[in-house]
Amino acid sequence: MSKSDQYSVIEDASNFIFGPSSQEKKHSKSGKIWQGTSFVLAFSLSLLVLMLVTSTAFLLRPQDPKIDAKDAFKADFSLFPNCGSSVAEAKSGGCEFDPMVNGWTPQECFNRELSEEFMALPNYTWYYDADHAKPISADDLYSGELAITYPEPFHHDRHCLYTWRKLHLATMLGTMVDSDTFWYNHSAHCTSYLLRLIPLQKAAESHRAFLTCLPLGLNQVQ
């Protein structure tokens, strides 16, 4: 047996009888400490990631619809198709005047067919004055030069219905809507206004339905 083998046997015997040396114990203890530290670090990192995800989800949660949409939506409007702030700018930008919203509307969110459908409804007249003594001609109305007009009293009802139809079509087709139709507060105003109207005397008939959830943007236009 060589001398190195003898030392190996002696060392093994010593470990068997007296246990590991103090140096080995030190290394073993250091390993356990490192394992514990690694576990604490991993746990802390996981907790930090969980907190970040939770915070992000909280910040991105849907806003309370009672909040004024104009305050909640701070985008730069100049980045979107717009009609400027004058008739000249609107015309130069290719905008169309829509009497149903009494506003110049960019081509990208102007629904000509729907506007013409509502404008063709019976007894639709605009006036220069609140007393409805002087009707506005179609040419003057569509010129978009008049800052204030006085339509028939029921125009408010039709205006609300018009914007809702337009909003629904835009949702299905994935197109943009004008800023008047866009604001949630406008829809809230319309619903409050219509709910205050005198109810019809004829009894309503409501049929039970079994509904399905559908994603926005689904094209159902025939």
Protein backbone atom coordinates (compact mmCIF):
# COMPACT_ATOMS: atom_id res chain seq x y z
CA MET A 1 0.00 0.00 0.00
CA SER A 2 1.40 3.37 -0.94
CA LYS A 3 1.88 6.17 1.50
CA SER A 4 -0.94 8.23 -0.07
CA ASP A 5 -3.32 5.30 0.25
CA GLN A 6 -2.35 4.92 3.90
CA TYR A 7 -3.16 8.57 4.57
CA SER A 8 -6.51 8.16 2.81
CA VAL A 9 -7.42 5.18 4.96
CA ILE A 10 -6.38 7.00 8.12
CA GLU A 11 -8.44 10.04 7.14
CA ASP A 12 -11.51 7.90 6.40
CA ALA A 13 -11.12 6.11 9.71
CA SER A 14 -10.76 9.40 11.53
CA ASN A 15 -13.94 10.73 9.95
CA PHE A 16 -15.76 7.53 10.86
CA ILE A 17 -14.65 7.64 14.50
CA PHE A 18 -14.54 11.34 15.28
CA GLY A 19 -16.88 12.72 12.62
CA PRO A 20 -16.08 15.37 9.99
CA SER A 21 -13.30 17.79 10.71
CA SER A 22 -14.03 21.36 11.80
CA GLN A 23 -13.15 22.63 8.33
CA GLU A 24 -15.63 20.26 6.72
CA LYS A 25 -18.25 21.30 9.22
CA LYS A 26 -17.57 24.93 8.31
CA HIS A 27 -18.02 24.21 4.61
CA SER A 28 -21.22 22.25 5.31
CA LYS A 29 -22.60 25.05 7.46
CA SER A 30 -21.74 27.64 4.80
CA GLY A 31 -23.59 25.57 2.19
CA LYS A 32 -26.69 25.40 4.33
CA ILE A 33 -26.55 29.16 4.95
CA TRP A 34 -26.21 29.81 1.21
CA GLN A 35 -29.15 27.51 0.47
CA GLY A 36 -31.26 29.37 3.00
CA THR A 37 -30.20 32.74 1.61
CA SER A 38 -31.00 31.62 -1.94
CA PHE A 39 -34.47 30.52 -0.86
CA VAL A 40 -35.13 33.87 0.84
CA LEU A 41 -33.92 35.77 -2.23
CA ALA A 42 -36.05 33.68 -4.60
CA PHE A 43 -39.11 34.09 -2.39
CA SER A 44 -38.57 37.86 -2.13
CA LEU A 45 -38.16 38.15 -5.91
CA SER A 46 -41.37 36.18 -6.51
CA LEU A 47 -43.23 38.37 -4.03
CA LEU A 48 -41.92 41.50 -5.74
CA VAL A 49 -43.07 40.25 -9.17
CA LEU A 50 -46.51 39.42 -7.74
CA MET A 51 -46.79 42.91 -6.25
CA LEU A 52 -45.81 44.51 -9.56
CA VAL A 53 -48.39 42.45 -11.49
CA THR A 54 -51.11 43.27 -8.96
CA SER A 55 -50.26 46.98 -9.02
CA THR A 56 -50.28 47.04 -12.82
CA ALA A 57 -53.67 45.30 -12.96
CA PHE A 58 -55.04 47.81 -10.44
CA LEU A 59 -53.78 50.79 -12.44
CA LEU A 60 -55.16 49.40 -15.70
CA ARG A 61 -58.59 48.52 -14.30
CA PRO A 62 -61.62 49.98 -16.13
CA GLN A 63 -62.45 53.49 -15.00
CA ASP A 64 -65.65 54.24 -13.15
CA PRO A 65 -68.10 55.41 -15.83
CA LYS A 66 -69.21 58.20 -13.49
CA ILE A 67 -65.85 59.88 -14.09
CA ASP A 68 -65.98 62.56 -16.76
CA ALA A 69 -64.59 60.88 -19.86
CA LYS A 70 -63.03 64.16 -20.97
CA ASP A 71 -60.98 64.21 -17.77
CA ALA A 72 -60.06 60.53 -17.99
CA PHE A 73 -59.11 60.65 -21.67
CA LYS A 74 -56.05 62.87 -22.05
CA ALA A 75 -54.94 61.87 -25.55
CA ASP A 76 -53.65 64.49 -27.96
CA PHE A 77 -56.64 65.05 -30.25
CA SER A 78 -54.42 66.48 -32.95
CA LEU A 79 -53.19 62.93 -33.59
CA PHE A 80 -56.68 61.90 -34.76
CA PRO A 81 -58.61 63.02 -37.85
CA ASN A 82 -60.22 66.34 -36.93
CA CYS A 83 -61.88 69.38 -38.49
CA GLY A 84 -59.87 72.11 -36.82
CA SER A 85 -61.71 75.02 -35.24
CA SER A 86 -63.17 76.95 -38.18
CA VAL A 87 -65.32 76.33 -41.23
CA ALA A 88 -62.36 77.08 -43.48
CA GLU A 89 -60.18 74.49 -41.70
CA ALA A 90 -63.01 71.94 -41.81
CA LYS A 91 -63.51 72.39 -45.54
CA SER A 92 -59.79 72.28 -46.29
CA GLY A 93 -59.56 69.05 -44.30
CA GLY A 94 -62.30 67.40 -46.35
CA CYS A 95 -64.80 67.31 -43.48
CA GLU A 96 -68.55 66.91 -44.01
CA PHE A 97 -71.21 68.89 -42.16
CA ASP A 98 -73.69 66.60 -40.41
CA PRO A 99 -76.90 68.37 -39.28
CA MET A 100 -77.75 65.42 -37.03
CA VAL A 101 -74.90 66.42 -34.72
CA ASN A 102 -74.72 70.04 -35.94
CA GLY A 103 -71.02 69.62 -36.51
CA TRP A 104 -68.30 69.27 -39.09
CA THR A 105 -67.23 65.64 -39.13
CA PRO A 106 -64.07 64.00 -40.55
CA GLN A 107 -64.63 61.60 -43.43
CA GLU A 108 -63.18 58.77 -41.32
CA CYS A 109 -66.14 58.84 -38.92
CA PHE A 110 -68.93 60.29 -41.05
CA ASN A 111 -71.76 57.87 -41.84
CA ARG A 112 -73.48 59.54 -44.78
CA GLU A 113 -76.06 56.80 -45.29
CA LEU A 114 -77.21 56.88 -41.67
CA SER A 115 -77.31 60.68 -41.59
CA GLU A 116 -79.44 60.81 -44.74
CA GLU A 117 -81.77 58.16 -43.29
CA PHE A 118 -82.51 60.29 -40.23
CA MET A 119 -82.67 63.55 -42.17
CA ALA A 120 -85.34 61.99 -44.40
CA LEU A 121 -87.70 61.43 -41.46
CA PRO A 122 -90.95 63.43 -41.78
CA ASN A 123 -91.50 66.91 -40.33
CA TYR A 124 -87.82 67.67 -40.00
CA THR A 125 -87.26 71.42 -40.25
CA TRP A 126 -84.58 73.72 -38.86
CA TYR A 127 -85.17 77.37 -38.04
CA TYR A 128 -83.11 80.54 -37.65
CA ASP A 129 -84.99 81.54 -34.50
CA ALA A 130 -86.28 79.96 -31.30
CA ASP A 131 -89.86 80.92 -32.20
CA HIS A 132 -89.63 78.82 -35.37
CA ALA A 133 -90.83 81.71 -37.50
CA LYS A 134 -88.17 81.52 -40.22
CA PRO A 135 -87.19 78.10 -41.62
CA ILE A 136 -83.64 77.44 -42.76
CA SER A 137 -83.20 76.33 -46.34
CA ALA A 138 -81.43 73.04 -47.01
CA ASP A 139 -78.52 74.84 -48.68
CA ASP A 140 -77.95 77.10 -45.69
CA LEU A 141 -78.30 74.21 -43.26
CA TYR A 142 -75.78 71.98 -45.04
CA SER A 143 -73.37 74.86 -45.54
CA GLY A 144 -72.32 74.52 -41.92
CA GLU A 145 -71.92 78.29 -41.66
CA LEU A 146 -74.61 78.74 -38.99
CA ALA A 147 -73.23 78.55 -35.46
CA ILE A 148 -76.67 78.14 -33.86
CA THR A 149 -79.83 76.59 -35.31
CA TYR A 150 -83.25 75.75 -33.88
CA PRO A 151 -84.61 72.35 -34.97
CA GLU A 152 -87.95 70.80 -34.12
CA PRO A 153 -88.45 69.86 -30.43
CA PHE A 154 -88.21 66.14 -31.20
CA HIS A 155 -84.76 66.60 -32.73
CA HIS A 156 -83.20 65.90 -29.33
CA ASP A 157 -84.78 62.44 -29.31
CA ARG A 158 -83.68 61.67 -32.86
CA HIS A 159 -80.20 63.02 -32.23
CA CYS A 160 -79.74 60.59 -29.32
CA LEU A 161 -81.07 57.66 -31.34
CA TYR A 162 -78.84 58.65 -34.24
CA THR A 163 -75.64 58.68 -32.16
CA TRP A 164 -76.51 55.31 -30.62
CA ARG A 165 -77.07 53.77 -34.05
CA LYS A 166 -73.79 55.24 -35.23
CA LEU A 167 -71.95 53.97 -32.16
CA HIS A 168 -73.35 50.46 -32.65
CA LEU A 169 -72.35 50.38 -36.32
CA ALA A 170 -68.85 51.62 -35.50
CA THR A 171 -68.50 48.92 -32.85
CA MET A 172 -69.42 46.17 -35.31
CA LEU A 173 -67.38 47.54 -38.21
CA GLY A 174 -64.36 48.56 -36.14
CA THR A 175 -64.48 52.15 -37.39
CA MET A 176 -64.04 55.45 -35.55
CA VAL A 177 -66.83 57.67 -34.27
CA ASP A 178 -67.04 61.43 -33.91
CA SER A 179 -66.13 62.99 -30.57
CA ASP A 180 -69.77 63.83 -29.77
CA THR A 181 -70.79 60.18 -30.10
CA PHE A 182 -67.61 58.96 -28.37
CA TRP A 183 -68.17 60.50 -24.94
CA TYR A 184 -69.88 58.26 -22.38
CA ASN A 185 -71.37 61.34 -20.73
CA HIS A 186 -73.28 62.05 -23.94
CA SER A 187 -74.93 58.61 -23.79
CA ALA A 188 -75.68 59.12 -20.09
CA HIS A 189 -77.26 62.49 -20.90
CA CYS A 190 -79.39 60.95 -23.65
CA THR A 191 -80.67 58.14 -21.44
CA SER A 192 -81.54 60.57 -18.64
CA TYR A 193 -83.33 62.84 -21.10
CA LEU A 194 -85.35 60.05 -22.73
CA LEU A 195 -86.33 58.57 -19.36
CA ARG A 196 -87.93 61.89 -18.41
CA LEU A 197 -90.21 61.90 -21.46
CA ILE A 198 -93.94 61.25 -21.02
CA PRO A 199 -94.45 57.49 -21.42
CA LEU A 200 -96.66 56.10 -24.17
CA GLN A 201 -100.15 55.07 -23.12
CA LYS A 202 -100.10 51.82 -25.08
CA ALA A 203 -99.00 48.82 -23.03
CA ALA A 204 -95.61 47.44 -23.96
CA GLU A 205 -95.12 43.79 -24.84
CA SER A 206 -91.80 42.22 -23.87
CA HIS A 207 -90.74 38.76 -25.02
CA ARG A 208 -88.30 36.62 -23.03
CA ALA A 209 -84.96 35.95 -24.72
CA PHE A 210 -81.96 33.66 -24.23
CA LEU A 211 -78.86 35.68 -25.03
CA THR A 212 -75.27 34.98 -26.00
CA CYS A 213 -72.09 36.93 -25.22
CA LEU A 214 -70.44 38.25 -28.39
CA PRO A 215 -67.13 40.06 -28.90
CA LEU A 216 -67.11 43.69 -29.97
CA GLY A 217 -66.19 44.19 -33.60
CA LEU A 218 -68.17 41.19 -34.85
CA ASN A 219 -69.58 42.21 -38.24
CA GLN A 220 -73.28 41.39 -38.41
CA VAL A 221 -74.24 43.97 -41.04
CA GLN A 222 -76.11 42.25 -43.84
